[in-house]
Amino acid sequence: MSWQAKALRAFSRHVMRPSLARDRTPEAARVHFERGARRLFRAPPFSLMQDGSAGGVRGLWVSNRPRHEGAVLYFHGGAYLLGSSRSHSALLAEIARRTGVRAFLPDYRLAPEHPFPAAFDDAVAAWDGLVAQGFAPDRIVLGGDSAGGGLALALLSRLCRAGTPPAGLFAFSPWTDLTFSGASLVTNASRDQLLPAHRLTAVRTEILGGARPGDADDPRLSPLHAAFPGAPPVMIHAAETEILRDDALRMRGRLPNAEIRIAGDLPHVWPILHNWLPEARATLDQTGRFIQGCLLPESDES
């Protein structure tokens, strides 16, 4: 573990995690998160952010000297309650720099104003919109982190069952099981650097709106319960000490050929901290090579 990761661990557990444990309204949490993102996450030079839309879903196109065809369709995290294309644009700019591929980040509708399945419906619309714009399914790689990683996997299941899978999928610390059956929710409750496990039930209530907790096993929300016939290459990253570790590990039961990489004692969705952590940059290097392998002929990889 780098000295930066050790320093961040102390800061996260004593400052960030207590902050996330506070009972804020979704509106206040969104403002707090967006402010933090502007301060902490910086895009690399030559990054370009352009407003756009796909399938009627507004979002942001992110590029960094694009040189290859294809696209990354990326869903931001934030427990379906917060986050935006802007909060994650620097992360995708780093991915775009490594791959030469543009990325579209849809601003899918958030709960509690728009409860489940609004986010999933917007994910499907954004996919359909990219295809309508001329991107072939096998020229699109899906991605996401946390709730966005779960959303990407839920969309993958739909596309696989329809016989139109994307070129591949990558996810950072995906939230795949809102029935809360993973053992790491308990065993890592005191080890997770960021996420307070005791807040998840209240968060799920806001996501579901009028739906019953028993509906949390819907594969559009919990892709751990989905089917993935004919799945493309999948890479999933999670940390050993995070409460969502088993949400990642158990996806191997649904995606037996997936590459699931478990890191050490790192914070939830550590790649977003690429400005600070060597481990984050190393994970993004791996992800960049994975995306190139999905989209580019071997002779064209760089």
Protein backbone atom coordinates (compact mmCIF):
# COMPACT_ATOMS: atom_id res chain seq x y z
CA MET A 1 0.00 0.00 0.00
CA SER A 2 1.33 3.44 -0.94
CA TRP A 3 1.87 6.13 1.65
CA GLN A 4 -0.88 8.11 -0.07
CA ALA A 5 -3.32 5.24 0.48
CA LYS A 6 -2.31 4.97 4.13
CA ALA A 7 -2.84 8.70 4.65
CA LEU A 8 -6.17 8.58 2.84
CA ARG A 9 -7.33 5.66 4.95
CA ALA A 10 -6.96 7.70 8.13
CA PHE A 11 -8.67 10.72 6.57
CA SER A 12 -11.52 8.66 5.16
CA ARG A 13 -12.31 6.82 8.36
CA HIS A 14 -12.14 9.90 10.58
CA VAL A 15 -13.60 12.55 8.26
CA MET A 16 -15.31 11.17 5.15
CA ARG A 17 -17.14 8.22 6.65
CA PRO A 18 -18.64 10.22 9.55
CA SER A 19 -19.74 12.81 6.99
CA LEU A 20 -21.49 10.17 4.88
CA ALA A 21 -23.15 8.74 7.98
CA ARG A 22 -25.00 11.99 8.64
CA ASP A 23 -28.70 12.01 7.87
CA ARG A 24 -28.80 14.63 5.10
CA THR A 25 -31.63 15.30 2.71
CA PRO A 26 -30.90 14.12 -0.87
CA GLU A 27 -30.70 17.76 -1.97
CA ALA A 28 -28.11 18.61 0.68
CA ALA A 29 -26.14 15.44 -0.04
CA ARG A 30 -26.02 16.30 -3.74
CA VAL A 31 -24.65 19.77 -3.09
CA HIS A 32 -22.06 18.39 -0.68
CA PHE A 33 -20.94 15.71 -3.14
CA GLU A 34 -20.71 18.02 -6.14
CA ARG A 35 -18.65 20.55 -4.18
CA GLY A 36 -16.27 17.81 -3.09
CA ALA A 37 -15.96 16.51 -6.65
CA ARG A 38 -15.00 19.94 -7.97
CA ARG A 39 -12.28 20.24 -5.34
CA LEU A 40 -10.86 16.73 -5.48
CA PHE A 41 -11.14 15.46 -9.05
CA ARG A 42 -9.16 17.13 -11.84
CA ALA A 43 -9.22 16.10 -15.47
CA PRO A 44 -5.95 15.64 -17.38
CA PRO A 45 -4.79 18.19 -19.97
CA PHE A 46 -6.51 18.18 -23.38
CA SER A 47 -9.79 16.94 -21.88
CA LEU A 48 -12.98 18.12 -23.56
CA MET A 49 -16.43 18.11 -21.94
CA GLN A 50 -19.43 18.69 -24.20
CA ASP A 51 -23.09 18.69 -23.27
CA GLY A 52 -25.12 16.19 -25.27
CA SER A 53 -27.95 13.70 -25.17
CA ALA A 54 -28.75 10.14 -26.16
CA GLY A 55 -32.25 8.77 -26.38
CA GLY A 56 -33.64 11.90 -24.79
CA VAL A 57 -31.35 11.58 -21.75
CA ARG A 58 -29.14 14.58 -21.20
CA GLY A 59 -25.53 14.02 -20.30
CA LEU A 60 -21.91 14.82 -21.03
CA TRP A 61 -19.56 13.68 -23.77
CA VAL A 62 -16.00 13.37 -22.44
CA SER A 63 -12.95 12.97 -24.64
CA ASN A 64 -9.19 13.41 -24.56
CA ARG A 65 -7.64 13.55 -28.02
CA PRO A 66 -9.93 10.80 -29.41
CA ARG A 67 -8.32 8.58 -32.01
CA HIS A 68 -10.51 5.48 -32.16
CA GLU A 69 -14.11 4.72 -33.04
CA GLY A 70 -16.53 3.37 -30.47
CA ALA A 71 -17.74 4.76 -27.16
CA VAL A 72 -17.89 4.10 -23.46
CA LEU A 73 -21.36 4.44 -21.94
CA TYR A 74 -20.69 5.14 -18.26
CA PHE A 75 -23.14 5.36 -15.36
CA HIS A 76 -22.03 7.41 -12.36
CA GLY A 77 -22.38 6.21 -8.79
CA GLY A 78 -24.10 7.87 -5.86
CA ALA A 79 -26.60 5.33 -4.47
CA TYR A 80 -29.15 6.35 -7.13
CA LEU A 81 -29.66 9.52 -5.04
CA LEU A 82 -26.79 11.81 -6.05
CA GLY A 83 -23.87 12.23 -8.42
CA SER A 84 -23.88 13.50 -11.99
CA SER A 85 -22.00 13.46 -15.25
CA ARG A 86 -19.99 16.44 -14.00
CA SER A 87 -18.94 14.78 -10.74
CA HIS A 88 -17.45 11.86 -12.68
CA SER A 89 -16.19 13.65 -15.79
CA ALA A 90 -12.56 13.79 -14.61
CA LEU A 91 -12.55 10.02 -14.04
CA LEU A 92 -13.84 9.39 -17.56
CA ALA A 93 -11.37 11.89 -18.99
CA GLU A 94 -8.59 9.74 -17.53
CA ILE A 95 -10.14 6.67 -19.14
CA ALA A 96 -10.54 8.54 -22.44
CA ARG A 97 -6.87 9.57 -22.32
CA ARG A 98 -5.80 5.96 -21.86
CA THR A 99 -8.01 4.55 -24.60
CA GLY A 100 -8.52 7.26 -27.22
CA VAL A 101 -12.27 6.55 -27.03
CA ARG A 102 -15.03 9.04 -26.22
CA ALA A 103 -17.35 8.46 -23.26
CA PHE A 104 -20.97 9.45 -22.72
CA LEU A 105 -22.15 9.96 -19.15
CA PRO A 106 -25.96 10.17 -18.95
CA ASP A 107 -27.61 12.16 -16.19
CA TYR A 108 -30.16 9.50 -15.40
CA ARG A 109 -33.04 10.44 -13.12
CA LEU A 110 -32.38 10.22 -9.39
CA ALA A 111 -34.45 9.02 -6.45
CA PRO A 112 -36.41 9.84 -4.39
CA GLU A 113 -37.98 12.24 -6.90
CA HIS A 114 -37.75 9.51 -9.53
CA PRO A 115 -37.78 6.11 -7.81
CA PHE A 116 -36.99 2.74 -9.35
CA PRO A 117 -37.12 1.89 -12.24
CA ALA A 118 -36.51 5.44 -13.55
CA ALA A 119 -32.70 5.08 -13.59
CA PHE A 120 -32.89 1.76 -15.43
CA ASP A 121 -35.35 3.14 -17.97
CA ASP A 122 -32.97 6.03 -18.65
CA ALA A 123 -30.04 3.62 -19.02
CA VAL A 124 -31.95 1.69 -21.68
CA ALA A 125 -32.93 4.95 -23.42
CA ALA A 126 -29.31 6.17 -23.43
CA TRP A 127 -28.14 2.87 -24.96
CA ASP A 128 -30.85 2.99 -27.61
CA GLY A 129 -29.92 6.60 -28.30
CA LEU A 130 -26.25 5.75 -28.92
CA VAL A 131 -27.23 2.94 -31.26
CA ALA A 132 -29.58 5.33 -33.10
CA GLN A 133 -26.64 7.74 -33.47
CA GLY A 134 -24.73 5.08 -35.37
CA PHE A 135 -22.76 3.23 -32.69
CA ALA A 136 -22.99 -0.51 -33.26
CA PRO A 137 -23.55 -2.53 -30.06
CA ASP A 138 -20.16 -4.21 -30.46
CA ARG A 139 -18.53 -0.76 -30.54
CA ILE A 140 -19.84 0.28 -27.11
CA VAL A 141 -18.33 -0.65 -23.75
CA LEU A 142 -20.50 -0.24 -20.66
CA GLY A 143 -19.05 1.03 -17.40
CA GLY A 144 -20.05 2.31 -14.01
CA ASP A 145 -19.19 2.60 -10.35
CA SER A 146 -21.13 1.68 -7.22
CA ALA A 147 -24.86 2.08 -8.02
CA GLY A 148 -23.82 3.00 -11.57
CA GLY A 149 -21.90 -0.25 -11.80
CA GLY A 150 -25.03 -2.14 -10.79
CA LEU A 151 -26.99 -0.15 -13.36
CA ALA A 152 -24.48 -1.05 -16.08
CA LEU A 153 -24.74 -4.74 -15.17
CA ALA A 154 -28.54 -4.59 -15.15
CA LEU A 155 -28.45 -3.08 -18.63
CA LEU A 156 -25.97 -5.75 -19.71
CA SER A 157 -28.42 -8.46 -18.69
CA ARG A 158 -31.17 -6.90 -20.76
CA LEU A 159 -28.90 -6.59 -23.80
CA CYS A 160 -27.59 -10.14 -23.49
CA ARG A 161 -31.11 -11.52 -23.29
CA ALA A 162 -32.06 -9.46 -26.36
CA GLY A 163 -29.08 -10.83 -28.30
CA THR A 164 -27.44 -7.41 -28.71
CA PRO A 165 -24.61 -7.40 -26.13
CA PRO A 166 -22.04 -4.60 -25.99
CA ALA A 167 -18.35 -5.09 -26.59
CA GLY A 168 -17.67 -5.42 -22.87
CA LEU A 169 -18.29 -4.02 -19.41
CA PHE A 170 -16.14 -2.74 -16.55
CA ALA A 171 -17.30 -1.77 -13.07
CA PHE A 172 -15.72 -0.27 -9.97
CA SER A 173 -17.17 -1.46 -6.63
CA PRO A 174 -20.57 -2.27 -8.15
CA TRP A 175 -23.71 -2.38 -5.98
CA THR A 176 -25.38 -5.50 -7.32
CA ASP A 177 -27.64 -6.77 -4.53
CA LEU A 178 -30.18 -4.52 -2.83
CA THR A 179 -31.57 -7.47 -0.87
CA PHE A 180 -28.48 -7.06 1.36
CA SER A 181 -27.58 -10.75 1.44
CA GLY A 182 -23.81 -10.30 1.09
CA ALA A 183 -21.75 -11.34 4.12
CA SER A 184 -19.31 -8.45 3.67
CA LEU A 185 -22.06 -6.00 4.65
CA VAL A 186 -21.53 -7.37 8.16
CA THR A 187 -17.94 -8.59 8.20
CA ASN A 188 -16.61 -5.35 6.70
CA ALA A 189 -18.98 -2.96 8.48
CA SER A 190 -16.16 -1.65 10.68
CA ARG A 191 -13.44 -1.97 8.02
CA ASP A 192 -14.97 -0.04 5.11
CA GLN A 193 -13.22 3.31 4.79
CA LEU A 194 -16.22 5.21 3.43
CA LEU A 195 -19.63 3.56 3.41
CA PRO A 196 -21.69 3.34 6.61
CA ALA A 197 -23.58 0.04 6.38
CA HIS A 198 -26.32 1.18 8.74
CA ARG A 199 -27.50 3.78 6.21
CA LEU A 200 -28.31 1.31 3.44
CA THR A 201 -31.85 0.40 4.52
CA ALA A 202 -32.94 4.05 4.53
CA VAL A 203 -31.27 4.60 1.17
CA ARG A 204 -33.05 1.58 -0.31
CA THR A 205 -36.40 2.92 0.90
CA GLU A 206 -35.79 6.15 -1.02
CA ILE A 207 -34.72 4.27 -4.13
CA LEU A 208 -37.76 2.01 -4.14
CA GLY A 209 -40.29 4.74 -3.42
CA GLY A 210 -43.66 3.03 -3.08
CA ALA A 211 -42.28 -0.41 -3.89
CA ARG A 212 -41.90 -3.02 -1.17
CA PRO A 213 -38.44 -4.05 0.14
CA GLY A 214 -39.23 -7.49 -1.26
CA ASP A 215 -39.05 -5.97 -4.73
CA ALA A 216 -35.33 -5.31 -4.26
CA ASP A 217 -34.46 -8.59 -5.99
CA ASP A 218 -35.74 -7.22 -9.30
CA PRO A 219 -32.85 -7.86 -11.74
CA ARG A 220 -33.19 -4.31 -13.06
CA LEU A 221 -32.04 -3.15 -9.61
CA SER A 222 -30.09 -6.15 -8.33
CA PRO A 223 -28.21 -7.72 -11.26
CA LEU A 224 -26.91 -10.42 -8.93
CA HIS A 225 -30.32 -11.98 -9.67
CA ALA A 226 -30.10 -11.45 -13.45
CA ALA A 227 -29.17 -13.75 -16.33
CA PHE A 228 -26.39 -12.97 -18.82
CA PRO A 229 -26.59 -15.38 -21.78
CA GLY A 230 -23.74 -14.86 -24.23
CA ALA A 231 -22.06 -12.21 -22.09
CA PRO A 232 -19.09 -10.27 -23.50
CA PRO A 233 -15.84 -9.74 -21.55
CA VAL A 234 -16.42 -8.26 -18.07
CA MET A 235 -13.92 -6.76 -15.62
CA ILE A 236 -14.96 -5.90 -12.06
CA HIS A 237 -12.84 -4.18 -9.40
CA ALA A 238 -13.59 -4.07 -5.67
CA ALA A 239 -11.62 -3.65 -2.45
CA GLU A 240 -11.14 -6.41 0.10
CA THR A 241 -12.32 -4.24 3.00
CA GLU A 242 -15.40 -2.58 1.52
CA ILE A 243 -18.91 -3.60 2.45
CA LEU A 244 -19.80 -4.21 -1.21
CA ARG A 245 -16.93 -6.66 -1.78
CA ASP A 246 -19.29 -9.64 -1.93
CA ASP A 247 -21.56 -7.79 -4.36
CA ALA A 248 -18.63 -8.02 -6.75
CA LEU A 249 -17.36 -11.50 -5.86
CA ARG A 250 -20.75 -13.18 -6.15
CA MET A 251 -21.21 -11.92 -9.70
CA ARG A 252 -18.89 -14.77 -10.69
CA GLY A 253 -21.87 -17.05 -10.16
CA ARG A 254 -23.70 -15.15 -12.91
CA LEU A 255 -20.68 -14.28 -15.05
CA PRO A 256 -18.28 -17.22 -14.68
CA ASN A 257 -15.85 -15.82 -17.23
CA ALA A 258 -15.68 -12.36 -15.65
CA GLU A 259 -12.33 -11.05 -14.45
CA ILE A 260 -12.96 -9.98 -10.85
CA ARG A 261 -10.03 -8.19 -9.24
CA ILE A 262 -10.00 -7.67 -5.48
CA ALA A 263 -7.61 -4.98 -4.22
CA GLY A 264 -6.46 -4.46 -0.65
CA ASP A 265 -7.55 -1.90 1.94
CA LEU A 266 -8.72 0.84 -0.40
CA PRO A 267 -11.78 3.12 -0.32
CA HIS A 268 -14.99 2.44 -2.19
CA VAL A 269 -14.55 3.38 -5.89
CA TRP A 270 -10.89 4.30 -5.37
CA PRO A 271 -10.22 4.90 -9.10
CA ILE A 272 -12.06 8.21 -8.83
CA LEU A 273 -9.15 9.38 -6.64
CA HIS A 274 -6.71 9.19 -9.55
CA ASN A 275 -5.28 12.60 -8.69
CA TRP A 276 -4.11 11.25 -5.34
CA LEU A 277 -3.61 7.49 -5.35
CA PRO A 278 -1.04 5.49 -7.33
CA GLU A 279 -3.34 2.50 -6.83
CA ALA A 280 -6.14 4.39 -8.59
CA ARG A 281 -3.94 5.15 -11.58
CA ALA A 282 -2.82 1.52 -11.76
CA THR A 283 -6.44 0.35 -11.77
CA LEU A 284 -7.27 2.82 -14.53
CA ASP A 285 -4.29 1.55 -16.53
CA GLN A 286 -5.72 -1.98 -16.27
CA THR A 287 -9.17 -0.73 -17.21
CA GLY A 288 -7.83 1.17 -20.20
CA ARG A 289 -6.14 -1.96 -21.52
CA PHE A 290 -9.35 -3.92 -20.99
CA ILE A 291 -11.40 -1.38 -22.97
CA GLN A 292 -8.85 -1.40 -25.79
CA GLY A 293 -8.98 -5.17 -25.86
CA CYS A 294 -12.77 -5.03 -26.24
CA LEU A 295 -12.82 -2.41 -28.98
CA LEU A 296 -9.56 -2.47 -30.89
CA PRO A 297 -7.89 -5.06 -33.07
CA GLU A 298 -4.78 -6.37 -31.35
CA SER A 299 -2.53 -4.63 -33.85
CA ASP A 300 -4.10 -1.27 -33.07
CA GLU A 301 -3.77 -1.35 -29.28
CA SER A 302 -1.56 1.28 -27.74
